C-alpha cells in the first residue's frame, strides 16, 4: 500500500486523502444519526410504556385504587357553613333591593307605536271613598309571549229551501294544502324559521313538542315541500323578469346535496345567484354543476351590463356584442391585500389608490347624489385615480415576478382593466359585486345548520324561497308576513296580476294600508 501511494504524484495523493476524509466524515455522520435515532426511539418507547401502564391501571385496577383520591379532600356534596349562608343571604337581599331601584340613564328607546297595548290599572291600597284622583303616572314596558298555537275551526252551515229542493253551504276559503291541517301562518312560520332564521326542521319539531304538539318529522317535511311548490308560478315569473333586466350582478355559492345514486354520499351542487341593483331583486338558480354552460339559460339573450368576479364561466358572455362586462374592485383589492406579506410597499400603494375610489363612492352615497351626478363625480375624481393606477401597474409589472403574489395581483387587475373601469359609464352601476355577495350570506349560515339538501329537487325548491327572502331583505319587508299573505292568495290570484305578490309590491300595499 505504501509502495502504491509512494508512486502517486503529489496532486493525486491529495485527491486520495480528500476522498478518504469525505468517506470517514460520511461514516461518522451516519453513526451519529443512528445514535440520535436510537436515543429518540428509546425516549418514545419509555413514554409509550408509561402511558400503557397508566391505561392498564385505569382499566383493570381495583375500584378503590382508581377512585379513592385524596383522603384530605372534602366529601361531596359540599355544604357551606352557617356563617357563609347568612352572609350570602344578606348579599342577595341587597342585590334584590338594588334591582328594584330604577337605574340612572339618559333615556330609553321609544316603544313601537304599532304594537297592541295591554293596560293594567293599579289603584292605591285602602279606602279611597273620601279621596279624589288628581292624576296618574304611566309606566310602559315591552313584553312578549311565545309563539301562539291555536286551532282555526271552520264551521260551514248548510241551508236548504223549505220545499227541500237543493242544499247551500258556506264556501270554504282557499287553503294552502288541500285537506291538510297546517294553516298559512304555521307554514310561513316553518319556512321563515328554516330559511330566514336558520332553524332546521328537527329543532322546530322540538318547539312544537314543548307546547305538547306532537308532529312527525316526515309530516313537517311534507308540509315544507307542499308550501314551496305553491311558490313555483311566482318564481317562474321572477326568472322571466330577471332575464329582461339591463343590469345584473352574478355569483355562485356551493350547497351539499344528497346523492340518490350513492347512499350516504353528498354531491357538491351550486346556487347561481343573479342580483339586479336597479330594482333590488334577487334570483337563486340551483344547478348540480359549476360549469360554464350553466348561465346559458339566463344570459343567452341578456343585453346590458353584467358584473361578476374573476370566475371564467362568465367571460364568453362578457365578450358578447350587447353586453358590457363589469369587474369587481373588491376582488381586485383582495388580491393586493394578499400581497401585503409579499411586497408591502407596492401592495399598500395599490390599496391606497383603491381606497381613494371607495372614498368617492361613500361621498356619493352620503350626499344622496342622482345617477347623473354620480357619473359626473366619478369622471371628475375617480377617472384620474384609475388612470394613475393603470400607468403605475404598467410600469411596475415589468419588474415583478409573475408567480409572486404582488405579480398575481397586478396581473389580475391588468387582465380586467377595461371591466374594472366600466362602472364609470353610468352612475347607476356599482363599483363592486358586494351586493350580490350580501344576498348569498343567508345560504352560508343555513349550510352550517341543516348541512345539506335532501335532493336536487329540494335544492331547487330552496332556491325559490331564498330568492324571495333575499328580496324581502332588500326591501325591508317582514318575510313571515309576506309569505303568509302569498300562501293565502297565490292559488286564487289572476295570473295576470301575479307580480302583485312580489315582496316589493306587497310592501307598497302594506305601506298604504298603514297610512
Protein backbone atom coordinates (compact mmCIF):
# COMPACT_ATOMS: atom_id res chain seq x y z
CA UNK A 1 0.00 0.00 0.00
CA UNK A 2 2.82 2.38 0.93
CA UNK A 3 4.64 1.50 -2.35
CA UNK A 4 1.45 2.19 -4.32
CA UNK A 5 0.91 5.52 -2.58
CA UNK A 6 4.54 6.41 -2.96
CA UNK A 7 4.29 6.05 -6.71
CA UNK A 8 1.49 8.67 -6.89
CA UNK A 9 2.14 12.27 -7.70
CA UNK A 10 1.56 14.90 -5.04
CA UNK A 11 -1.64 16.07 -6.73
CA UNK A 12 -3.09 12.54 -6.96
CA UNK A 13 -2.12 11.85 -3.38
CA UNK A 14 -4.08 14.90 -2.18
CA UNK A 15 -7.16 13.67 -4.08
CA UNK A 16 -6.92 10.24 -2.40
CA UNK A 17 -6.58 11.81 1.06
CA UNK A 18 -9.53 14.18 0.37
CA UNK A 19 -11.70 11.27 -0.80
CA UNK A 20 -10.81 9.24 2.30
CA UNK A 21 -11.65 12.19 4.57
CA UNK A 22 -15.07 12.57 2.96
CA UNK A 23 -15.74 8.86 3.37
CA UNK A 24 -14.78 8.97 7.05
CA UNK A 25 -16.89 12.10 7.60
CA UNK A 26 -19.95 10.48 5.98
CA UNK A 27 -19.43 7.37 8.11
CA UNK A 28 -19.22 9.46 11.31
CA UNK A 29 -22.38 11.36 10.38
CA UNK A 30 -24.29 8.11 9.77
CA UNK A 31 -23.11 6.68 13.10
CA UNK A 32 -24.14 9.89 14.91
CA UNK A 33 -27.55 9.84 13.21
CA UNK A 34 -28.08 6.20 14.22
CA UNK A 35 -27.29 7.01 17.85
CA UNK A 36 -29.68 10.00 17.79
CA UNK A 37 -32.45 7.90 16.23
CA UNK A 38 -31.83 5.19 18.80
CA UNK A 39 -31.98 7.73 21.63
CA UNK A 40 -35.22 9.21 20.31
CA UNK A 41 -36.72 5.75 19.91
CA UNK A 42 -35.76 4.85 23.48
CA UNK A 43 -37.42 8.04 24.76
CA UNK A 44 -40.57 7.34 22.75
CA UNK A 45 -40.68 3.70 23.88
CA UNK A 46 -40.30 4.80 27.51
CA UNK A 47 -43.12 7.33 27.15
CA UNK A 48 -45.45 4.83 25.48
CA UNK A 49 -44.71 2.21 28.14
CA UNK A 50 -45.61 4.68 30.91
CA UNK A 51 -48.84 5.60 29.06
CA UNK A 52 -49.73 1.93 28.65
CA UNK A 53 -49.18 1.28 32.34
CA UNK A 54 -51.43 4.21 33.24
CA UNK A 55 -54.25 2.98 30.97
CA UNK A 56 -53.94 -0.53 32.40
CA UNK A 57 -54.34 0.87 35.93
CA UNK A 58 -57.42 2.80 34.82
CA UNK A 59 -59.00 -0.15 33.06
CA UNK A 60 -58.04 -3.09 35.24
CA UNK A 61 -57.14 -1.60 38.63
CA UNK A 62 -59.36 -2.09 41.66
CA UNK A 63 -62.17 0.45 42.05
CA UNK A 64 -60.78 1.63 45.38
CA UNK A 65 -57.37 2.24 43.80
CA UNK A 66 -58.86 4.00 40.81
CA UNK A 67 -61.26 6.30 42.61
CA UNK A 68 -60.18 6.64 46.22
CA UNK A 69 -58.48 10.01 45.62
CA UNK A 70 -57.04 12.35 48.23
CA UNK A 71 -58.18 11.37 51.77
CA UNK A 72 -57.97 15.04 52.81
CA UNK A 73 -60.43 16.12 50.11
CA UNK A 74 -63.85 17.25 51.42
CA UNK A 75 -66.59 14.78 50.60
CA UNK A 76 -69.44 15.60 48.24
CA UNK A 77 -71.89 17.23 48.41
CA UNK A 78 -70.18 20.39 49.59
CA UNK A 79 -72.11 22.28 52.22
CA UNK A 80 -71.43 25.86 53.25
CA UNK A 81 -71.22 26.70 56.93
CA UNK A 82 -73.93 28.73 58.69
CA UNK A 83 -71.79 31.91 58.65
CA UNK A 84 -71.30 31.73 54.90
CA UNK A 85 -75.03 31.07 54.38
CA UNK A 86 -76.02 34.12 56.43
CA UNK A 87 -73.51 36.31 54.57
CA UNK A 88 -74.80 35.14 51.19
CA UNK A 89 -78.41 35.83 52.18
CA UNK A 90 -77.52 39.38 53.17
CA UNK A 91 -75.78 39.97 49.83
CA UNK A 92 -78.78 38.58 47.95
CA UNK A 93 -81.12 40.90 49.89
CA UNK A 94 -79.01 43.95 48.99
CA UNK A 95 -78.92 42.98 45.31
CA UNK A 96 -82.70 42.49 45.16
CA UNK A 97 -83.24 45.89 46.73
CA UNK A 98 -80.81 47.42 44.25
CA UNK A 99 -82.59 45.91 41.25
CA UNK A 100 -85.89 47.40 42.45
CA UNK A 101 -84.46 50.87 42.08
CA UNK A 102 -84.66 52.50 38.65
CA UNK A 103 -81.10 52.83 37.32
CA UNK A 104 -79.97 56.27 36.21
CA UNK A 105 -79.78 56.57 32.42
CA UNK A 106 -80.10 59.29 29.80
CA UNK A 107 -83.22 57.82 28.24
CA UNK A 108 -84.67 54.70 26.72
CA UNK A 109 -85.62 53.56 23.26
CA UNK A 110 -89.03 54.67 22.05
CA UNK A 111 -91.56 51.85 22.07
CA UNK A 112 -93.10 50.94 18.68
CA UNK A 113 -96.48 52.58 18.12
CA UNK A 114 -97.97 49.76 16.04
CA UNK A 115 -97.98 47.19 18.86
CA UNK A 116 -101.18 46.39 20.78
CA UNK A 117 -101.32 47.73 24.34
CA UNK A 118 -102.47 45.84 27.42
CA UNK A 119 -103.41 48.32 30.18
CA UNK A 120 -103.05 47.34 33.82
CA UNK A 121 -104.70 49.82 36.18
CA UNK A 122 -103.23 49.99 39.68
CA UNK A 123 -105.00 51.90 42.49
CA UNK A 124 -103.66 52.75 45.94
CA UNK A 125 -104.49 50.27 48.67
CA UNK A 126 -107.10 51.06 51.32
CA UNK A 127 -110.37 53.03 51.36
CA UNK A 128 -110.44 55.70 48.62
CA UNK A 129 -114.11 56.79 49.04
CA UNK A 130 -113.16 60.14 50.66
CA UNK A 131 -110.37 60.85 48.14
CA UNK A 132 -110.29 62.30 44.64
CA UNK A 133 -107.97 61.34 41.76
CA UNK A 134 -105.59 64.19 40.86
CA UNK A 135 -103.61 62.48 38.11
CA UNK A 136 -101.81 59.35 37.10
CA UNK A 137 -98.35 58.10 36.23
CA UNK A 138 -97.85 55.82 33.23
CA UNK A 139 -95.02 53.29 33.02
CA UNK A 140 -94.53 51.19 29.92
CA UNK A 141 -92.51 48.06 29.24
CA UNK A 142 -92.07 45.88 26.18
CA UNK A 143 -93.35 42.32 26.69
CA UNK A 144 -93.81 39.24 24.57
CA UNK A 145 -95.45 35.83 24.52
CA UNK A 146 -94.03 32.69 22.94
CA UNK A 147 -95.44 31.61 19.57
CA UNK A 148 -99.15 31.09 20.00
CA UNK A 149 -100.62 27.92 18.56
CA UNK A 150 -104.35 27.62 18.15
CA UNK A 151 -106.91 25.68 16.14
CA UNK A 152 -108.82 27.52 13.44
CA UNK A 153 -112.15 25.71 13.12
CA UNK A 154 -114.30 26.40 10.05
CA UNK A 155 -117.97 25.65 10.74
CA UNK A 156 -119.92 25.73 7.49
CA UNK A 157 -123.65 25.84 7.91
CA UNK A 158 -125.91 24.12 5.41
CA UNK A 159 -129.22 25.57 4.25
CA UNK A 160 -131.98 24.14 2.16
CA UNK A 161 -135.20 25.71 0.88
CA UNK A 162 -138.34 24.85 2.77
CA UNK A 163 -139.53 22.86 -0.19
CA UNK A 164 -136.43 20.65 0.22
CA UNK A 165 -135.01 21.35 -3.27
CA UNK A 166 -131.17 21.59 -3.12
CA UNK A 167 -128.63 22.45 -0.38
CA UNK A 168 -126.47 25.54 0.04
CA UNK A 169 -123.35 25.63 2.22
CA UNK A 170 -120.84 28.32 3.10
CA UNK A 171 -117.79 28.24 0.82
CA UNK A 172 -114.54 27.10 2.41
CA UNK A 173 -111.71 29.64 1.96
CA UNK A 174 -108.75 28.67 -0.23
CA UNK A 175 -106.33 26.53 1.73
CA UNK A 176 -102.60 26.11 1.15
CA UNK A 177 -102.59 22.32 1.45
CA UNK A 178 -105.89 20.76 0.45
CA UNK A 179 -107.19 18.51 3.24
CA UNK A 180 -104.05 19.28 5.25
CA UNK A 181 -104.10 20.63 8.79
CA UNK A 182 -101.49 23.44 8.62
CA UNK A 183 -102.70 26.99 8.08
CA UNK A 184 -100.85 29.63 6.07
CA UNK A 185 -99.46 31.23 9.22
CA UNK A 186 -97.99 27.96 10.50
CA UNK A 187 -96.41 27.15 7.14
CA UNK A 188 -94.99 30.66 6.89
CA UNK A 189 -93.51 30.28 10.37
CA UNK A 190 -91.87 26.94 9.48
CA UNK A 191 -90.35 28.24 6.24
CA UNK A 192 -89.23 31.52 7.80
CA UNK A 193 -87.69 29.59 10.67
CA UNK A 194 -85.70 27.32 8.37
CA UNK A 195 -84.63 29.64 5.56
CA UNK A 196 -84.50 33.01 7.30
CA UNK A 197 -83.66 32.18 10.92
CA UNK A 198 -81.67 29.01 10.07
CA UNK A 199 -83.67 26.67 12.33
CA UNK A 200 -83.59 23.12 10.92
CA UNK A 201 -86.92 21.32 10.92
CA UNK A 202 -85.91 18.97 13.73
CA UNK A 203 -85.39 21.98 16.03
CA UNK A 204 -88.77 23.35 15.08
CA UNK A 205 -90.25 19.96 15.90
CA UNK A 206 -88.78 20.38 19.40
CA UNK A 207 -90.52 23.76 19.70
CA UNK A 208 -93.84 22.11 18.85
CA UNK A 209 -93.16 19.37 21.40
CA UNK A 210 -92.66 21.94 24.17
CA UNK A 211 -96.24 23.05 23.50
CA UNK A 212 -97.34 19.38 23.63
CA UNK A 213 -97.94 19.30 19.87
CA UNK A 214 -96.56 16.04 18.50
CA UNK A 215 -95.90 16.14 14.75
CA UNK A 216 -93.81 13.58 12.88
CA UNK A 217 -90.67 14.79 11.13
CA UNK A 218 -91.89 13.36 7.83
CA UNK A 219 -95.11 15.37 8.18
CA UNK A 220 -93.27 18.67 8.70
CA UNK A 221 -91.01 17.88 5.74
CA UNK A 222 -94.10 17.18 3.62
CA UNK A 223 -95.68 20.49 4.64
CA UNK A 224 -92.49 22.34 3.73
CA UNK A 225 -92.36 20.72 0.31
CA UNK A 226 -96.03 21.44 -0.47
CA UNK A 227 -95.74 25.08 0.63
CA UNK A 228 -92.68 25.63 -1.56
CA UNK A 229 -94.41 24.04 -4.56
CA UNK A 230 -97.13 26.68 -4.22
CA UNK A 231 -94.50 29.35 -4.95
CA UNK A 232 -93.45 27.88 -8.32
CA UNK A 233 -95.65 30.15 -10.52
CA UNK A 234 -94.32 33.25 -8.77
CA UNK A 235 -90.73 32.00 -9.06
CA UNK A 236 -91.12 31.26 -12.79
CA UNK A 237 -92.34 34.82 -13.28
CA UNK A 238 -89.27 36.06 -11.37
CA UNK A 239 -86.99 34.03 -13.67
CA UNK A 240 -88.66 35.56 -16.73
CA UNK A 241 -88.38 39.10 -15.37
CA UNK A 242 -84.74 38.62 -14.32
CA UNK A 243 -83.75 37.67 -17.88
CA UNK A 244 -85.06 41.04 -19.08
CA UNK A 245 -83.04 43.19 -16.67
CA UNK A 246 -80.47 45.55 -18.13
CA UNK A 247 -78.00 45.23 -15.26
CA UNK A 248 -77.21 42.02 -13.39
CA UNK A 249 -74.61 41.02 -10.83
CA UNK A 250 -73.80 37.31 -10.78
CA UNK A 251 -72.10 34.98 -8.31
CA UNK A 252 -72.21 31.35 -7.15
CA UNK A 253 -72.21 29.55 -3.81
CA UNK A 254 -71.97 25.79 -3.04
CA UNK A 255 -74.62 23.59 -1.45
CA UNK A 256 -74.26 19.95 -0.43
CA UNK A 257 -76.96 17.68 -1.87
CA UNK A 258 -77.56 14.04 -1.01
CA UNK A 259 -76.78 11.81 -3.96
CA UNK A 260 -79.67 9.44 -4.70
CA UNK A 261 -77.35 7.03 -6.53
CA UNK A 262 -74.88 6.65 -3.65
CA UNK A 263 -76.36 6.09 -0.21
CA UNK A 264 -74.88 8.45 2.38
CA UNK A 265 -72.84 10.36 -0.22
CA UNK A 266 -73.26 14.07 -0.87
CA UNK A 267 -72.95 15.89 -4.18
CA UNK A 268 -71.49 19.39 -4.47
CA UNK A 269 -74.22 21.48 -6.08
CA UNK A 270 -74.29 25.21 -6.77
CA UNK A 271 -76.64 28.15 -6.40
CA UNK A 272 -76.15 30.60 -9.26
CA UNK A 273 -77.31 33.97 -7.97
CA UNK A 274 -78.38 36.98 -10.04
CA UNK A 275 -79.00 40.36 -8.45
CA UNK A 276 -80.42 43.45 -10.13
CA UNK A 277 -79.25 46.56 -8.22
CA UNK A 278 -81.72 48.81 -10.06
CA UNK A 279 -84.89 47.28 -8.59
CA UNK A 280 -83.20 45.19 -5.85
CA UNK A 281 -84.44 41.77 -6.96
CA UNK A 282 -82.53 38.53 -6.41
CA UNK A 283 -82.78 35.18 -8.16
CA UNK A 284 -81.27 31.93 -6.88
CA UNK A 285 -81.00 29.20 -9.51
CA UNK A 286 -79.79 25.73 -8.50
CA UNK A 287 -77.64 23.53 -10.71
CA UNK A 288 -75.62 20.41 -9.90
CA UNK A 289 -72.70 21.86 -11.89
CA UNK A 290 -70.50 24.95 -11.81
CA UNK A 291 -69.58 24.55 -15.48
CA UNK A 292 -69.56 27.39 -17.94
CA UNK A 293 -72.68 26.06 -19.67
CA UNK A 294 -74.92 26.74 -16.66
CA UNK A 295 -75.55 30.52 -17.14
CA UNK A 296 -76.69 29.90 -20.72
CA UNK A 297 -80.38 29.78 -19.82
CA UNK A 298 -80.17 33.13 -18.04
CA UNK A 299 -77.63 35.03 -20.12
CA UNK A 300 -78.01 33.80 -23.70
CA UNK A 301 -80.45 36.58 -24.60
CA UNK A 302 -79.27 39.04 -21.96
CA UNK A 303 -78.42 42.60 -23.01
CA UNK A 304 -76.87 45.24 -20.81
CA UNK A 305 -74.32 45.34 -18.00
CA UNK A 306 -73.10 42.08 -16.44
CA UNK A 307 -70.94 42.37 -13.31
CA UNK A 308 -69.01 39.37 -11.99
CA UNK A 309 -65.88 38.39 -10.11
CA UNK A 310 -62.99 36.69 -11.90
CA UNK A 311 -64.73 33.35 -12.49
CA UNK A 312 -64.08 32.38 -16.17
CA UNK A 313 -67.58 30.96 -16.74
CA UNK A 314 -68.87 34.48 -17.47
CA UNK A 315 -66.06 35.57 -19.80
CA UNK A 316 -67.70 34.43 -23.04
CA UNK A 317 -70.90 36.30 -22.12
CA UNK A 318 -68.91 39.42 -21.25
CA UNK A 319 -67.43 39.40 -24.77
CA UNK A 320 -70.84 39.41 -26.47
CA UNK A 321 -71.71 42.46 -28.55
CA UNK A 322 -74.73 43.53 -26.49
CA UNK A 323 -73.10 43.01 -23.07
CA UNK A 324 -70.72 45.30 -21.20
CA UNK A 325 -68.73 43.25 -18.71
CA UNK A 326 -68.06 44.88 -15.33
CA UNK A 327 -65.46 43.52 -12.92
CA UNK A 328 -65.35 43.86 -9.15
CA UNK A 329 -62.97 46.24 -7.39
CA UNK A 330 -63.50 44.38 -4.10
CA UNK A 331 -61.94 41.26 -5.63
CA UNK A 332 -59.06 43.27 -7.06
CA UNK A 333 -58.47 44.77 -3.63
CA UNK A 334 -58.41 41.31 -2.02
CA UNK A 335 -55.60 40.26 -4.38
CA UNK A 336 -53.46 43.20 -3.27
CA UNK A 337 -54.31 42.51 0.39
CA UNK A 338 -52.90 39.00 -0.04
CA UNK A 339 -49.68 40.61 -1.35
CA UNK A 340 -49.03 42.65 1.81
CA UNK A 341 -46.78 39.92 3.20
CA UNK A 342 -45.03 39.54 -0.16
CA UNK A 343 -44.37 43.16 -1.14
CA UNK A 344 -45.81 45.56 1.42
CA UNK A 345 -44.69 48.89 -0.14
CA UNK A 346 -46.26 48.24 -3.54
CA UNK A 347 -49.31 46.43 -2.14
CA UNK A 348 -50.02 49.36 0.20
CA UNK A 349 -49.66 51.83 -2.67
CA UNK A 350 -52.24 49.94 -4.70
CA UNK A 351 -54.59 49.62 -1.71
CA UNK A 352 -54.39 53.37 -1.03
CA UNK A 353 -55.43 54.07 -4.63
CA UNK A 354 -58.36 51.66 -4.36
CA UNK A 355 -59.27 53.25 -1.02
CA UNK A 356 -59.49 56.58 -2.85
CA UNK A 357 -62.04 55.10 -5.27
CA UNK A 358 -64.21 53.86 -2.40
CA UNK A 359 -63.96 57.21 -0.64
CA UNK A 360 -65.58 58.81 -3.69
CA UNK A 361 -68.36 56.16 -3.59
CA UNK A 362 -69.04 56.92 0.08
CA UNK A 363 -69.28 60.62 -0.71
CA UNK A 364 -71.85 59.95 -3.44
CA UNK A 365 -73.91 57.83 -1.05
CA UNK A 366 -73.72 60.27 1.87
CA UNK A 367 -74.79 63.18 -0.34
CA UNK A 368 -77.56 61.07 -1.90
CA UNK A 369 -76.49 62.02 -5.43
CA UNK A 370 -78.52 61.12 -8.50
CA UNK A 371 -77.05 58.66 -11.06
CA UNK A 372 -76.11 61.53 -13.36
CA UNK A 373 -74.38 63.39 -10.51
CA UNK A 374 -72.55 60.19 -9.51
CA UNK A 375 -71.30 59.75 -13.07
CA UNK A 376 -70.02 63.34 -13.15
CA UNK A 377 -68.29 62.89 -9.78
CA UNK A 378 -66.62 59.68 -10.92
CA UNK A 379 -65.39 61.20 -14.18
CA UNK A 380 -64.05 64.18 -12.26
CA UNK A 381 -62.26 62.30 -9.44
CA UNK A 382 -62.29 58.50 -9.92
CA UNK A 383 -61.04 58.56 -13.52
CA UNK A 384 -57.79 60.29 -12.53
CA UNK A 385 -57.11 57.66 -9.83
CA UNK A 386 -57.81 54.80 -12.24
CA UNK A 387 -55.54 56.31 -14.91
CA UNK A 388 -52.71 56.85 -12.42
CA UNK A 389 -53.06 53.32 -11.08
CA UNK A 390 -53.09 51.87 -14.61
CA UNK A 391 -49.86 53.68 -15.55
CA UNK A 392 -48.22 52.61 -12.29
CA UNK A 393 -49.13 48.92 -12.75
CA UNK A 394 -47.98 49.03 -16.40
CA UNK A 395 -44.52 50.21 -15.30
CA UNK A 396 -44.20 48.04 -12.18
CA UNK A 397 -45.37 44.74 -13.65
CA UNK A 398 -42.32 44.70 -15.95
CA UNK A 399 -40.06 44.32 -12.90
CA UNK A 400 -42.27 41.88 -11.00
CA UNK A 401 -42.07 38.09 -10.79
CA UNK A 402 -45.28 36.77 -12.39
CA UNK A 403 -45.69 33.99 -9.81
CA UNK A 404 -45.23 36.26 -6.79
CA UNK A 405 -48.42 37.38 -5.01
CA UNK A 406 -47.89 41.02 -5.97
CA UNK A 407 -47.34 39.85 -9.56
CA UNK A 408 -50.59 37.86 -9.46
CA UNK A 409 -52.47 40.88 -8.05
CA UNK A 410 -51.16 43.14 -10.81
CA UNK A 411 -51.93 40.53 -13.46
CA UNK A 412 -55.49 40.11 -12.08
CA UNK A 413 -56.12 43.85 -12.36
CA UNK A 414 -54.41 44.22 -15.75
CA UNK A 415 -56.39 41.37 -17.33
CA UNK A 416 -59.66 43.04 -16.25
CA UNK A 417 -58.71 46.70 -16.53
CA UNK A 418 -61.44 47.65 -19.01
CA UNK A 419 -64.03 45.76 -16.96
CA UNK A 420 -62.79 47.40 -13.73
CA UNK A 421 -63.13 50.85 -15.34
CA UNK A 422 -66.54 50.19 -16.95
CA UNK A 423 -68.53 51.28 -13.88
CA UNK A 424 -67.67 54.87 -14.88
CA UNK A 425 -70.11 54.60 -17.82
CA UNK A 426 -73.25 55.05 -15.71
CA UNK A 427 -73.93 56.38 -12.22
CA UNK A 428 -76.36 53.51 -11.58
CA UNK A 429 -73.56 50.94 -11.79
CA UNK A 430 -71.80 49.58 -8.71
CA UNK A 431 -68.07 49.66 -8.08
CA UNK A 432 -68.08 46.04 -6.89
CA UNK A 433 -70.09 42.86 -6.62
CA UNK A 434 -70.70 43.13 -2.88
CA UNK A 435 -74.48 43.48 -3.13
CA UNK A 436 -74.90 40.03 -4.65
CA UNK A 437 -72.41 38.56 -2.16
CA UNK A 438 -74.52 40.01 0.67
CA UNK A 439 -77.60 38.29 -0.77
CA UNK A 440 -75.77 34.96 -0.61
CA UNK A 441 -74.85 35.13 3.08
CA UNK A 442 -78.08 33.54 4.43
CA UNK A 443 -77.25 30.40 2.43
CA UNK A 444 -73.84 30.18 4.10
CA UNK A 445 -75.50 30.44 7.52
CA UNK A 446 -78.13 27.87 6.57
CA UNK A 447 -75.46 25.39 5.41
CA UNK A 448 -73.95 25.38 8.91
CA UNK A 449 -77.29 24.36 10.41
CA UNK A 450 -79.04 21.95 8.06
CA UNK A 451 -75.78 20.87 6.31
CA UNK A 452 -77.31 19.63 3.03
CA UNK A 453 -80.38 19.45 0.82
CA UNK A 454 -82.16 16.12 0.57
CA UNK A 455 -82.20 16.01 -3.23
CA UNK A 456 -81.57 18.12 -6.33
CA UNK A 457 -85.31 18.90 -6.44
CA UNK A 458 -85.26 20.02 -2.81
CA UNK A 459 -82.27 22.26 -3.52
CA UNK A 460 -84.16 23.95 -6.36
CA UNK A 461 -87.24 24.43 -4.16
CA UNK A 462 -84.96 26.02 -1.56
CA UNK A 463 -83.63 28.33 -4.30
CA UNK A 464 -87.16 29.72 -4.70
CA UNK A 465 -87.60 30.73 -1.08
CA UNK A 466 -84.03 32.04 -0.83
CA UNK A 467 -84.83 34.30 -3.79
CA UNK A 468 -87.93 35.81 -2.23
CA UNK A 469 -86.47 36.15 1.26
CA UNK A 470 -83.46 37.95 -0.24
CA UNK A 471 -85.85 40.38 -1.96
CA UNK A 472 -87.69 40.84 1.34
CA UNK A 473 -84.42 41.84 2.97
CA UNK A 474 -83.55 44.26 0.16
CA UNK A 475 -86.93 45.99 0.50
CA UNK A 476 -87.21 45.76 4.32
CA UNK A 477 -90.28 43.51 4.16
CA UNK A 478 -91.23 41.21 7.03
CA UNK A 479 -90.63 37.76 5.42
CA UNK A 480 -93.17 35.97 7.61
CA UNK A 481 -95.98 38.43 6.84
CA UNK A 482 -95.17 38.41 3.11
CA UNK A 483 -95.09 34.61 2.93
CA UNK A 484 -98.32 34.17 4.86
CA UNK A 485 -100.05 36.67 2.56
CA UNK A 486 -98.64 34.98 -0.55
CA UNK A 487 -99.58 31.44 0.50
CA UNK A 488 -103.12 32.60 1.23
CA UNK A 489 -103.56 34.32 -2.16
CA UNK A 490 -101.38 32.62 -4.77
CA UNK A 491 -103.92 29.91 -5.63
CA UNK A 492 -106.75 32.37 -6.26
CA UNK A 493 -104.97 35.35 -7.82
CA UNK A 494 -105.43 36.14 -11.50
CA UNK A 495 -102.30 35.02 -13.38
CA UNK A 496 -102.04 38.47 -14.97
CA UNK A 497 -101.66 40.01 -11.52
CA UNK A 498 -99.20 37.52 -10.08
CA UNK A 499 -96.48 40.20 -9.83
CA UNK A 500 -98.60 41.80 -7.12
CA UNK A 501 -97.27 39.03 -4.85
CA UNK A 502 -93.64 40.11 -5.25
CA UNK A 503 -92.24 41.25 -1.87
CA UNK A 504 -91.57 44.77 -3.16
CA UNK A 505 -95.18 45.10 -4.35
CA UNK A 506 -96.52 43.62 -1.12
CA UNK A 507 -94.55 46.33 0.72
CA UNK A 508 -96.32 49.04 -1.27
CA UNK A 509 -99.71 47.55 -0.42
CA UNK A 510 -98.89 47.16 3.29
CA UNK A 511 -97.43 50.68 3.47
CA UNK A 512 -100.63 52.13 2.01
CA UNK A 513 -102.80 50.17 4.43
CA UNK A 514 -100.81 51.56 7.38
CA UNK A 515 -101.20 55.18 6.24
